[in-house]
All heavy atoms as atom14 arrays in JSON, in Angstrom:
{
  "sequence": "IVSNYGTDPVGENYGGDVLKDYNTRTQDYGNTIGQGVGNQQLYVDMMA",
  "atom14_mask": [
    [1, 1, 1, 1, 1, 1, 1, 1, 0, 0, 0, 0, 0, 0],
    [1, 1, 1, 1, 1, 1, 1, 0, 0, 0, 0, 0, 0, 0],
    [1, 1, 1, 1, 1, 1, 0, 0, 0, 0, 0, 0, 0, 0],
    [1, 1, 1, 1, 1, 1, 1, 1, 0, 0, 0, 0, 0, 0],
    [1, 1, 1, 1, 1, 1, 1, 1, 1, 1, 1, 1, 0, 0],
    [1, 1, 1, 1, 0, 0, 0, 0, 0, 0, 0, 0, 0, 0],
    [1, 1, 1, 1, 1, 1, 1, 0, 0, 0, 0, 0, 0, 0],
    [1, 1, 1, 1, 1, 1, 1, 1, 0, 0, 0, 0, 0, 0],
    [1, 1, 1, 1, 1, 1, 1, 0, 0, 0, 0, 0, 0, 0],
    [1, 1, 1, 1, 1, 1, 1, 0, 0, 0, 0, 0, 0, 0],
    [1, 1, 1, 1, 0, 0, 0, 0, 0, 0, 0, 0, 0, 0],
    [1, 1, 1, 1, 1, 1, 1, 1, 1, 0, 0, 0, 0, 0],
    [1, 1, 1, 1, 1, 1, 1, 1, 0, 0, 0, 0, 0, 0],
    [1, 1, 1, 1, 1, 1, 1, 1, 1, 1, 1, 1, 0, 0],
    [1, 1, 1, 1, 0, 0, 0, 0, 0, 0, 0, 0, 0, 0],
    [1, 1, 1, 1, 0, 0, 0, 0, 0, 0, 0, 0, 0, 0],
    [1, 1, 1, 1, 1, 1, 1, 1, 0, 0, 0, 0, 0, 0],
    [1, 1, 1, 1, 1, 1, 1, 0, 0, 0, 0, 0, 0, 0],
    [1, 1, 1, 1, 1, 1, 1, 1, 0, 0, 0, 0, 0, 0],
    [1, 1, 1, 1, 1, 1, 1, 1, 1, 0, 0, 0, 0, 0],
    [1, 1, 1, 1, 1, 1, 1, 1, 0, 0, 0, 0, 0, 0],
    [1, 1, 1, 1, 1, 1, 1, 1, 1, 1, 1, 1, 0, 0],
    [1, 1, 1, 1, 1, 1, 1, 1, 0, 0, 0, 0, 0, 0],
    [1, 1, 1, 1, 1, 1, 1, 0, 0, 0, 0, 0, 0, 0],
    [1, 1, 1, 1, 1, 1, 1, 1, 1, 1, 1, 0, 0, 0],
    [1, 1, 1, 1, 1, 1, 1, 0, 0, 0, 0, 0, 0, 0],
    [1, 1, 1, 1, 1, 1, 1, 1, 1, 0, 0, 0, 0, 0],
    [1, 1, 1, 1, 1, 1, 1, 1, 0, 0, 0, 0, 0, 0],
    [1, 1, 1, 1, 1, 1, 1, 1, 1, 1, 1, 1, 0, 0],
    [1, 1, 1, 1, 0, 0, 0, 0, 0, 0, 0, 0, 0, 0],
    [1, 1, 1, 1, 1, 1, 1, 1, 0, 0, 0, 0, 0, 0],
    [1, 1, 1, 1, 1, 1, 1, 0, 0, 0, 0, 0, 0, 0],
    [1, 1, 1, 1, 1, 1, 1, 1, 0, 0, 0, 0, 0, 0],
    [1, 1, 1, 1, 0, 0, 0, 0, 0, 0, 0, 0, 0, 0],
    [1, 1, 1, 1, 1, 1, 1, 1, 1, 0, 0, 0, 0, 0],
    [1, 1, 1, 1, 0, 0, 0, 0, 0, 0, 0, 0, 0, 0],
    [1, 1, 1, 1, 1, 1, 1, 0, 0, 0, 0, 0, 0, 0],
    [1, 1, 1, 1, 0, 0, 0, 0, 0, 0, 0, 0, 0, 0],
    [1, 1, 1, 1, 1, 1, 1, 1, 0, 0, 0, 0, 0, 0],
    [1, 1, 1, 1, 1, 1, 1, 1, 1, 0, 0, 0, 0, 0],
    [1, 1, 1, 1, 1, 1, 1, 1, 1, 0, 0, 0, 0, 0],
    [1, 1, 1, 1, 1, 1, 1, 1, 0, 0, 0, 0, 0, 0],
    [1, 1, 1, 1, 1, 1, 1, 1, 1, 1, 1, 1, 0, 0],
    [1, 1, 1, 1, 1, 1, 1, 0, 0, 0, 0, 0, 0, 0],
    [1, 1, 1, 1, 1, 1, 1, 1, 0, 0, 0, 0, 0, 0],
    [1, 1, 1, 1, 1, 1, 1, 1, 0, 0, 0, 0, 0, 0],
    [1, 1, 1, 1, 1, 1, 1, 1, 0, 0, 0, 0, 0, 0],
    [1, 1, 1, 1, 1, 0, 0, 0, 0, 0, 0, 0, 0, 0]
  ],
  "atom14_positions": [
    [[-9.29, -61.23, -23.96], [-8.64, -60.3, -23.04], [-9.39, -60.34, -21.71], [-10.58, -60.02, -21.65], [-8.62, -58.87, -23.6], [-7.93, -58.84, -24.97], [-7.93, -57.92, -22.63], [-8.0, -57.49, -25.67], [0.0, 0.0, 0.0], [0.0, 0.0, 0.0], [0.0, 0.0, 0.0], [0.0, 0.0, 0.0], [0.0, 0.0, 0.0], [0.0, 0.0, 0.0]],
    [[-8.7, -60.74, -20.67], [-9.27, -60.8, -19.33], [-8.64, -59.67, -18.51], [-7.41, -59.58, -18.41], [-8.99, -62.15, -18.66], [-9.62, -62.19, -17.28], [-9.51, -63.29, -19.54], [0.0, 0.0, 0.0], [0.0, 0.0, 0.0], [0.0, 0.0, 0.0], [0.0, 0.0, 0.0], [0.0, 0.0, 0.0], [0.0, 0.0, 0.0], [0.0, 0.0, 0.0]],
    [[-9.47, -58.82, -17.95], [-8.93, -57.67, -17.21], [-9.64, -57.47, -15.89], [-10.82, -57.8, -15.72], [-9.02, -56.39, -18.05], [-10.34, -56.18, -18.52], [0.0, 0.0, 0.0], [0.0, 0.0, 0.0], [0.0, 0.0, 0.0], [0.0, 0.0, 0.0], [0.0, 0.0, 0.0], [0.0, 0.0, 0.0], [0.0, 0.0, 0.0], [0.0, 0.0, 0.0]],
    [[-8.9, -56.93, -14.95], [-9.41, -56.56, -13.63], [-8.97, -55.13, -13.39], [-7.77, -54.84, -13.35], [-8.84, -57.5, -12.58], [-9.21, -57.08, -11.16], [-10.21, -56.39, -10.95], [-8.37, -57.46, -10.2], [0.0, 0.0, 0.0], [0.0, 0.0, 0.0], [0.0, 0.0, 0.0], [0.0, 0.0, 0.0], [0.0, 0.0, 0.0], [0.0, 0.0, 0.0]],
    [[-9.92, -54.21, -13.26], [-9.55, -52.82, -13.11], [-10.51, -52.09, -12.16], [-11.64, -52.53, -11.93], [-9.53, -52.11, -14.47], [-10.83, -52.13, -15.25], [-11.72, -51.06, -15.19], [-11.16, -53.21, -16.06], [-12.9, -51.06, -15.91], [-12.34, -53.23, -16.78], [-13.21, -52.16, -16.71], [-14.39, -52.17, -17.44], [0.0, 0.0, 0.0], [0.0, 0.0, 0.0]],
    [[-10.02, -50.97, -11.64], [-10.81, -50.2, -10.7], [-11.23, -48.87, -11.29], [-10.44, -48.19, -11.95], [0.0, 0.0, 0.0], [0.0, 0.0, 0.0], [0.0, 0.0, 0.0], [0.0, 0.0, 0.0], [0.0, 0.0, 0.0], [0.0, 0.0, 0.0], [0.0, 0.0, 0.0], [0.0, 0.0, 0.0], [0.0, 0.0, 0.0], [0.0, 0.0, 0.0]],
    [[-12.48, -48.5, -11.08], [-12.98, -47.18, -11.49], [-13.35, -46.4, -10.22], [-13.3, -46.92, -9.11], [-14.19, -47.31, -12.42], [-15.19, -48.14, -11.81], [-13.78, -47.95, -13.74], [0.0, 0.0, 0.0], [0.0, 0.0, 0.0], [0.0, 0.0, 0.0], [0.0, 0.0, 0.0], [0.0, 0.0, 0.0], [0.0, 0.0, 0.0], [0.0, 0.0, 0.0]],
    [[-13.73, -45.15, -10.4], [-13.95, -44.26, -9.26], [-15.43, -44.07, -8.95], [-16.23, -43.79, -9.85], [-13.35, -42.89, -9.55], [-11.84, -42.94, -9.7], [-11.21, -43.84, -9.12], [-11.29, -42.07, -10.42], [0.0, 0.0, 0.0], [0.0, 0.0, 0.0], [0.0, 0.0, 0.0], [0.0, 0.0, 0.0], [0.0, 0.0, 0.0], [0.0, 0.0, 0.0]],
    [[-15.8, -44.17, -7.67], [-17.12, -43.7, -7.27], [-17.19, -42.19, -7.47], [-16.16, -41.52, -7.59], [-17.2, -44.08, -5.79], [-16.07, -45.02, -5.54], [-15.02, -44.7, -6.54], [0.0, 0.0, 0.0], [0.0, 0.0, 0.0], [0.0, 0.0, 0.0], [0.0, 0.0, 0.0], [0.0, 0.0, 0.0], [0.0, 0.0, 0.0], [0.0, 0.0, 0.0]],
    [[-18.38, -41.65, -7.49], [-18.55, -40.21, -7.69], [-17.81, -39.44, -6.59], [-17.95, -39.73, -5.4], [-20.04, -39.82, -7.68], [-20.21, -38.31, -7.79], [-20.77, -40.52, -8.83], [0.0, 0.0, 0.0], [0.0, 0.0, 0.0], [0.0, 0.0, 0.0], [0.0, 0.0, 0.0], [0.0, 0.0, 0.0], [0.0, 0.0, 0.0], [0.0, 0.0, 0.0]],
    [[-16.98, -38.5, -7.01], [-16.28, -37.65, -6.06], [-15.02, -38.25, -5.47], [-14.38, -37.64, -4.61], [0.0, 0.0, 0.0], [0.0, 0.0, 0.0], [0.0, 0.0, 0.0], [0.0, 0.0, 0.0], [0.0, 0.0, 0.0], [0.0, 0.0, 0.0], [0.0, 0.0, 0.0], [0.0, 0.0, 0.0], [0.0, 0.0, 0.0], [0.0, 0.0, 0.0]],
    [[-14.62, -39.44, -5.94], [-13.43, -40.1, -5.41], [-12.37, -40.22, -6.51], [-12.66, -40.12, -7.7], [-13.78, -41.5, -4.88], [-14.85, -41.51, -3.8], [-14.32, -41.04, -2.45], [-13.1, -40.98, -2.29], [-15.14, -40.71, -1.58], [0.0, 0.0, 0.0], [0.0, 0.0, 0.0], [0.0, 0.0, 0.0], [0.0, 0.0, 0.0], [0.0, 0.0, 0.0]],
    [[-11.13, -40.48, -6.11], [-10.03, -40.7, -7.06], [-9.16, -41.84, -6.55], [-8.35, -41.65, -5.63], [-9.21, -39.42, -7.24], [-8.1, -39.58, -8.26], [-7.96, -40.64, -8.89], [-7.29, -38.55, -8.44], [0.0, 0.0, 0.0], [0.0, 0.0, 0.0], [0.0, 0.0, 0.0], [0.0, 0.0, 0.0], [0.0, 0.0, 0.0], [0.0, 0.0, 0.0]],
    [[-9.32, -43.0, -7.16], [-8.55, -44.18, -6.78], [-7.43, -44.5, -7.77], [-6.82, -45.56, -7.7], [-9.48, -45.39, -6.61], [-10.23, -45.39, -5.3], [-11.53, -44.91, -5.22], [-9.62, -45.86, -4.14], [-12.23, -44.89, -4.02], [-10.31, -45.85, -2.93], [-11.61, -45.37, -2.87], [-12.28, -45.36, -1.66], [0.0, 0.0, 0.0], [0.0, 0.0, 0.0]],
    [[-7.18, -43.6, -8.72], [-5.97, -43.73, -9.51], [-6.09, -44.42, -10.85], [-5.07, -44.68, -11.49], [0.0, 0.0, 0.0], [0.0, 0.0, 0.0], [0.0, 0.0, 0.0], [0.0, 0.0, 0.0], [0.0, 0.0, 0.0], [0.0, 0.0, 0.0], [0.0, 0.0, 0.0], [0.0, 0.0, 0.0], [0.0, 0.0, 0.0], [0.0, 0.0, 0.0]],
    [[-7.3, -44.7, -11.32], [-7.44, -45.34, -12.62], [-7.56, -44.36, -13.77], [-7.17, -44.67, -14.89], [0.0, 0.0, 0.0], [0.0, 0.0, 0.0], [0.0, 0.0, 0.0], [0.0, 0.0, 0.0], [0.0, 0.0, 0.0], [0.0, 0.0, 0.0], [0.0, 0.0, 0.0], [0.0, 0.0, 0.0], [0.0, 0.0, 0.0], [0.0, 0.0, 0.0]],
    [[-8.08, -43.18, -13.5], [-8.31, -42.17, -14.52], [-7.09, -41.25, -14.61], [-6.85, -40.44, -13.7], [-9.56, -41.36, -14.18], [-9.97, -40.41, -15.29], [-9.17, -40.19, -16.22], [-11.1, -39.86, -15.22], [0.0, 0.0, 0.0], [0.0, 0.0, 0.0], [0.0, 0.0, 0.0], [0.0, 0.0, 0.0], [0.0, 0.0, 0.0], [0.0, 0.0, 0.0]],
    [[-6.33, -41.35, -15.69], [-5.09, -40.57, -15.81], [-5.36, -39.09, -16.01], [-4.44, -38.27, -15.92], [-4.21, -41.11, -16.96], [-3.88, -42.57, -16.75], [-4.88, -40.91, -18.32], [0.0, 0.0, 0.0], [0.0, 0.0, 0.0], [0.0, 0.0, 0.0], [0.0, 0.0, 0.0], [0.0, 0.0, 0.0], [0.0, 0.0, 0.0], [0.0, 0.0, 0.0]],
    [[-6.6, -38.71, -16.28], [-6.93, -37.31, -16.48], [-7.08, -36.55, -15.17], [-7.02, -35.32, -15.14], [-8.23, -37.17, -17.29], [-8.26, -37.83, -18.67], [-9.63, -37.61, -19.31], [-7.16, -37.27, -19.56], [0.0, 0.0, 0.0], [0.0, 0.0, 0.0], [0.0, 0.0, 0.0], [0.0, 0.0, 0.0], [0.0, 0.0, 0.0], [0.0, 0.0, 0.0]],
    [[-7.27, -37.27, -14.06], [-7.53, -36.62, -12.78], [-6.22, -36.2, -12.09], [-5.21, -36.9, -12.17], [-8.31, -37.56, -11.85], [-9.75, -37.78, -12.29], [-10.5, -38.63, -11.27], [-11.96, -38.79, -11.64], [-12.71, -39.61, -10.66], [0.0, 0.0, 0.0], [0.0, 0.0, 0.0], [0.0, 0.0, 0.0], [0.0, 0.0, 0.0], [0.0, 0.0, 0.0]],
    [[-6.27, -35.07, -11.43], [-5.17, -34.56, -10.63], [-4.9, -35.53, -9.48], [-5.79, -35.82, -8.68], [-5.54, -33.17, -10.1], [-4.47, -32.54, -9.24], [-3.46, -33.2, -8.92], [-4.65, -31.36, -8.86], [0.0, 0.0, 0.0], [0.0, 0.0, 0.0], [0.0, 0.0, 0.0], [0.0, 0.0, 0.0], [0.0, 0.0, 0.0], [0.0, 0.0, 0.0]],
    [[-3.65, -36.04, -9.38], [-3.4, -37.02, -8.32], [-3.43, -36.41, -6.93], [-3.45, -37.12, -5.92], [-2.11, -37.8, -8.56], [-0.81, -37.01, -8.67], [-0.52, -35.92, -7.87], [0.17, -37.42, -9.58], [0.67, -35.23, -7.96], [1.37, -36.74, -9.69], [1.62, -35.65, -8.86], [2.81, -34.97, -8.96], [0.0, 0.0, 0.0], [0.0, 0.0, 0.0]],
    [[-3.46, -35.1, -6.81], [-3.6, -34.46, -5.5], [-5.01, -34.61, -4.93], [-5.24, -34.33, -3.76], [-3.24, -32.98, -5.59], [-1.75, -32.76, -5.83], [-0.92, -33.41, -5.21], [-1.41, -31.86, -6.74], [0.0, 0.0, 0.0], [0.0, 0.0, 0.0], [0.0, 0.0, 0.0], [0.0, 0.0, 0.0], [0.0, 0.0, 0.0], [0.0, 0.0, 0.0]],
    [[-5.94, -35.06, -5.78], [-7.31, -35.31, -5.31], [-7.5, -36.77, -4.88], [-8.64, -37.21, -4.71], [-8.33, -34.96, -6.42], [-8.15, -35.86, -7.53], [-8.16, -33.53, -6.89], [0.0, 0.0, 0.0], [0.0, 0.0, 0.0], [0.0, 0.0, 0.0], [0.0, 0.0, 0.0], [0.0, 0.0, 0.0], [0.0, 0.0, 0.0], [0.0, 0.0, 0.0]],
    [[-6.4, -37.49, -4.71], [-6.47, -38.92, -4.38], [-7.25, -39.15, -3.08], [-7.24, -38.33, -2.16], [-5.07, -39.51, -4.26], [-4.2, -38.83, -3.23], [-2.77, -39.35, -3.27], [-1.9, -38.62, -2.34], [-1.27, -37.49, -2.64], [-1.41, -36.95, -3.84], [-0.49, -36.9, -1.74], [0.0, 0.0, 0.0], [0.0, 0.0, 0.0], [0.0, 0.0, 0.0]],
    [[-7.9, -40.3, -3.03], [-8.72, -40.64, -1.86], [-7.87, -41.0, -0.67], [-8.23, -40.7, 0.48], [-9.66, -41.81, -2.23], [-10.52, -41.4, -3.3], [-10.5, -42.23, -1.04], [0.0, 0.0, 0.0], [0.0, 0.0, 0.0], [0.0, 0.0, 0.0], [0.0, 0.0, 0.0], [0.0, 0.0, 0.0], [0.0, 0.0, 0.0], [0.0, 0.0, 0.0]],
    [[-6.72, -41.65, -0.89], [-5.9, -42.09, 0.23], [-4.42, -42.12, -0.17], [-4.09, -42.29, -1.34], [-6.33, -43.48, 0.7], [-6.29, -44.53, -0.4], [-7.05, -45.8, -0.06], [-7.94, -45.78, 0.79], [-6.68, -46.9, -0.7], [0.0, 0.0, 0.0], [0.0, 0.0, 0.0], [0.0, 0.0, 0.0], [0.0, 0.0, 0.0], [0.0, 0.0, 0.0]],
    [[-3.55, -41.95, 0.83], [-2.11, -42.0, 0.59], [-1.56, -43.42, 0.67], [-0.63, -43.79, -0.06], [-1.37, -41.12, 1.6], [-1.52, -39.64, 1.3], [-1.9, -39.3, 0.15], [-1.3, -38.82, 2.2], [0.0, 0.0, 0.0], [0.0, 0.0, 0.0], [0.0, 0.0, 0.0], [0.0, 0.0, 0.0], [0.0, 0.0, 0.0], [0.0, 0.0, 0.0]],
    [[-2.14, -44.23, 1.57], [-1.65, -45.59, 1.79], [-2.8, -46.59, 1.61], [-3.97, -46.22, 1.58], [-1.04, -45.72, 3.18], [0.28, -44.98, 3.31], [0.32, -43.66, 3.76], [1.49, -45.6, 2.97], [1.52, -42.97, 3.87], [2.7, -44.92, 3.07], [2.71, -43.61, 3.53], [3.9, -42.94, 3.62], [0.0, 0.0, 0.0], [0.0, 0.0, 0.0]],
    [[-2.41, -47.84, 1.51], [-3.4, -48.89, 1.32], [-3.9, -49.0, -0.1], [-4.96, -49.59, -0.35], [0.0, 0.0, 0.0], [0.0, 0.0, 0.0], [0.0, 0.0, 0.0], [0.0, 0.0, 0.0], [0.0, 0.0, 0.0], [0.0, 0.0, 0.0], [0.0, 0.0, 0.0], [0.0, 0.0, 0.0], [0.0, 0.0, 0.0], [0.0, 0.0, 0.0]],
    [[-3.14, -48.47, -1.06], [-3.55, -48.52, -2.46], [-3.14, -49.86, -3.1], [-1.98, -50.28, -3.0], [-2.89, -47.37, -3.24], [-3.41, -46.02, -2.79], [-4.52, -45.62, -3.11], [-2.58, -45.31, -2.01], [0.0, 0.0, 0.0], [0.0, 0.0, 0.0], [0.0, 0.0, 0.0], [0.0, 0.0, 0.0], [0.0, 0.0, 0.0], [0.0, 0.0, 0.0]],
    [[-4.09, -50.5, -3.76], [-3.85, -51.78, -4.43], [-4.41, -51.73, -5.84], [-5.3, -50.93, -6.15], [-4.52, -52.93, -3.65], [-5.93, -52.67, -3.55], [-3.92, -53.08, -2.26], [0.0, 0.0, 0.0], [0.0, 0.0, 0.0], [0.0, 0.0, 0.0], [0.0, 0.0, 0.0], [0.0, 0.0, 0.0], [0.0, 0.0, 0.0], [0.0, 0.0, 0.0]],
    [[-3.9, -52.6, -6.69], [-4.35, -52.65, -8.07], [-5.8, -53.14, -8.13], [-6.15, -54.16, -7.54], [-3.44, -53.57, -8.9], [-2.04, -52.96, -8.97], [-3.99, -53.77, -10.31], [-1.0, -53.88, -9.57], [0.0, 0.0, 0.0], [0.0, 0.0, 0.0], [0.0, 0.0, 0.0], [0.0, 0.0, 0.0], [0.0, 0.0, 0.0], [0.0, 0.0, 0.0]],
    [[-6.64, -52.4, -8.83], [-8.05, -52.74, -8.96], [-8.91, -52.11, -7.89], [-10.1, -52.43, -7.78], [0.0, 0.0, 0.0], [0.0, 0.0, 0.0], [0.0, 0.0, 0.0], [0.0, 0.0, 0.0], [0.0, 0.0, 0.0], [0.0, 0.0, 0.0], [0.0, 0.0, 0.0], [0.0, 0.0, 0.0], [0.0, 0.0, 0.0], [0.0, 0.0, 0.0]],
    [[-8.35, -51.19, -7.09], [-9.11, -50.57, -6.0], [-10.18, -49.64, -6.54], [-10.21, -49.3, -7.72], [-8.16, -49.8, -5.09], [-7.52, -48.6, -5.74], [-6.55, -47.88, -4.81], [-6.28, -48.31, -3.68], [-6.02, -46.75, -5.26], [0.0, 0.0, 0.0], [0.0, 0.0, 0.0], [0.0, 0.0, 0.0], [0.0, 0.0, 0.0], [0.0, 0.0, 0.0]],
    [[-11.04, -49.18, -5.65], [-12.19, -48.38, -6.06], [-13.36, -49.3, -6.36], [-13.6, -50.29, -5.67], [0.0, 0.0, 0.0], [0.0, 0.0, 0.0], [0.0, 0.0, 0.0], [0.0, 0.0, 0.0], [0.0, 0.0, 0.0], [0.0, 0.0, 0.0], [0.0, 0.0, 0.0], [0.0, 0.0, 0.0], [0.0, 0.0, 0.0], [0.0, 0.0, 0.0]],
    [[-14.1, -48.99, -7.4], [-15.17, -49.87, -7.86], [-14.54, -50.97, -8.7], [-14.01, -50.72, -9.78], [-16.22, -49.09, -8.69], [-17.31, -50.04, -9.18], [-16.82, -47.97, -7.86], [0.0, 0.0, 0.0], [0.0, 0.0, 0.0], [0.0, 0.0, 0.0], [0.0, 0.0, 0.0], [0.0, 0.0, 0.0], [0.0, 0.0, 0.0], [0.0, 0.0, 0.0]],
    [[-14.57, -52.2, -8.21], [-13.93, -53.31, -8.9], [-14.69, -53.73, -10.15], [-15.93, -53.76, -10.17], [0.0, 0.0, 0.0], [0.0, 0.0, 0.0], [0.0, 0.0, 0.0], [0.0, 0.0, 0.0], [0.0, 0.0, 0.0], [0.0, 0.0, 0.0], [0.0, 0.0, 0.0], [0.0, 0.0, 0.0], [0.0, 0.0, 0.0], [0.0, 0.0, 0.0]],
    [[-13.94, -54.03, -11.22], [-14.53, -54.49, -12.47], [-13.75, -55.69, -12.98], [-12.52, -55.65, -13.08], [-14.47, -53.39, -13.54], [-15.27, -52.16, -13.17], [-16.43, -52.02, -13.52], [-14.62, -51.24, -12.44], [0.0, 0.0, 0.0], [0.0, 0.0, 0.0], [0.0, 0.0, 0.0], [0.0, 0.0, 0.0], [0.0, 0.0, 0.0], [0.0, 0.0, 0.0]],
    [[-14.48, -56.75, -13.31], [-13.88, -57.92, -13.95], [-14.47, -58.01, -15.36], [-15.69, -57.99, -15.52], [-14.15, -59.2, -13.17], [-13.48, -59.26, -11.8], [-14.16, -58.37, -10.78], [-15.4, -58.37, -10.67], [-13.39, -57.62, -10.01], [0.0, 0.0, 0.0], [0.0, 0.0, 0.0], [0.0, 0.0, 0.0], [0.0, 0.0, 0.0], [0.0, 0.0, 0.0]],
    [[-13.6, -58.12, -16.34], [-14.09, -58.03, -17.72], [-13.46, -59.11, -18.61], [-12.27, -59.39, -18.52], [-13.76, -56.65, -18.29], [-14.27, -56.4, -19.7], [-14.1, -54.96, -20.1], [-14.75, -54.06, -19.55], [-13.21, -54.7, -21.05], [0.0, 0.0, 0.0], [0.0, 0.0, 0.0], [0.0, 0.0, 0.0], [0.0, 0.0, 0.0], [0.0, 0.0, 0.0]],
    [[-14.3, -59.68, -19.46], [-13.85, -60.62, -20.49], [-14.22, -60.04, -21.84], [-15.38, -59.71, -22.09], [-14.51, -61.99, -20.31], [-14.27, -63.0, -21.44], [-12.79, -63.37, -21.55], [-15.12, -64.26, -21.23], [0.0, 0.0, 0.0], [0.0, 0.0, 0.0], [0.0, 0.0, 0.0], [0.0, 0.0, 0.0], [0.0, 0.0, 0.0], [0.0, 0.0, 0.0]],
    [[-13.23, -59.92, -22.7], [-13.45, -59.4, -24.06], [-12.96, -60.44, -25.05], [-11.8, -60.85, -25.02], [-12.69, -58.09, -24.23], [-12.77, -57.47, -25.62], [-13.73, -56.5, -25.92], [-11.9, -57.84, -26.63], [-13.81, -55.92, -27.17], [-11.96, -57.27, -27.89], [-12.92, -56.32, -28.16], [-12.99, -55.76, -29.41], [0.0, 0.0, 0.0], [0.0, 0.0, 0.0]],
    [[-13.85, -60.9, -25.93], [-13.51, -61.9, -26.94], [-13.85, -61.33, -28.31], [-14.97, -60.84, -28.53], [-14.26, -63.23, -26.71], [-13.91, -64.22, -27.8], [-13.92, -63.8, -25.34], [0.0, 0.0, 0.0], [0.0, 0.0, 0.0], [0.0, 0.0, 0.0], [0.0, 0.0, 0.0], [0.0, 0.0, 0.0], [0.0, 0.0, 0.0], [0.0, 0.0, 0.0]],
    [[-12.89, -61.39, -29.22], [-13.06, -60.83, -30.57], [-12.63, -61.9, -31.57], [-11.46, -62.3, -31.61], [-12.21, -59.57, -30.71], [-12.35, -58.89, -32.08], [-13.01, -59.46, -32.96], [-11.79, -57.79, -32.25], [0.0, 0.0, 0.0], [0.0, 0.0, 0.0], [0.0, 0.0, 0.0], [0.0, 0.0, 0.0], [0.0, 0.0, 0.0], [0.0, 0.0, 0.0]],
    [[-13.57, -62.38, -32.37], [-13.28, -63.41, -33.38], [-13.6, -62.84, -34.76], [-14.7, -62.34, -34.98], [-14.1, -64.67, -33.12], [-13.78, -65.35, -31.79], [-14.82, -66.78, -31.46], [-16.4, -65.97, -31.16], [0.0, 0.0, 0.0], [0.0, 0.0, 0.0], [0.0, 0.0, 0.0], [0.0, 0.0, 0.0], [0.0, 0.0, 0.0], [0.0, 0.0, 0.0]],
    [[-12.63, -62.95, -35.66], [-12.83, -62.37, -36.99], [-12.25, -63.28, -38.08], [-11.14, -63.79, -37.95], [-12.17, -60.99, -37.09], [-12.43, -60.28, -38.43], [-11.94, -58.53, -38.44], [-10.16, -58.69, -38.48], [0.0, 0.0, 0.0], [0.0, 0.0, 0.0], [0.0, 0.0, 0.0], [0.0, 0.0, 0.0], [0.0, 0.0, 0.0], [0.0, 0.0, 0.0]],
    [[-13.05, -63.47, -39.11], [-12.6, -64.13, -40.33], [-12.54, -63.07, -41.42], [-13.53, -62.41, -41.71], [-13.54, -65.25, -40.72], [0.0, 0.0, 0.0], [0.0, 0.0, 0.0], [0.0, 0.0, 0.0], [0.0, 0.0, 0.0], [0.0, 0.0, 0.0], [0.0, 0.0, 0.0], [0.0, 0.0, 0.0], [0.0, 0.0, 0.0], [0.0, 0.0, 0.0]]
  ]
}
């Protein structure tokens, strides 16, 4: 599983956390997928 996602700096709301009130958003425009603190992740799970 390869993922690219954005998390929030302290005191900010860039839209990744569904628990946060969207009225606390950091910006109205210029929003892109993966904004905020960028994270690139590789998850590999092998099982026999």
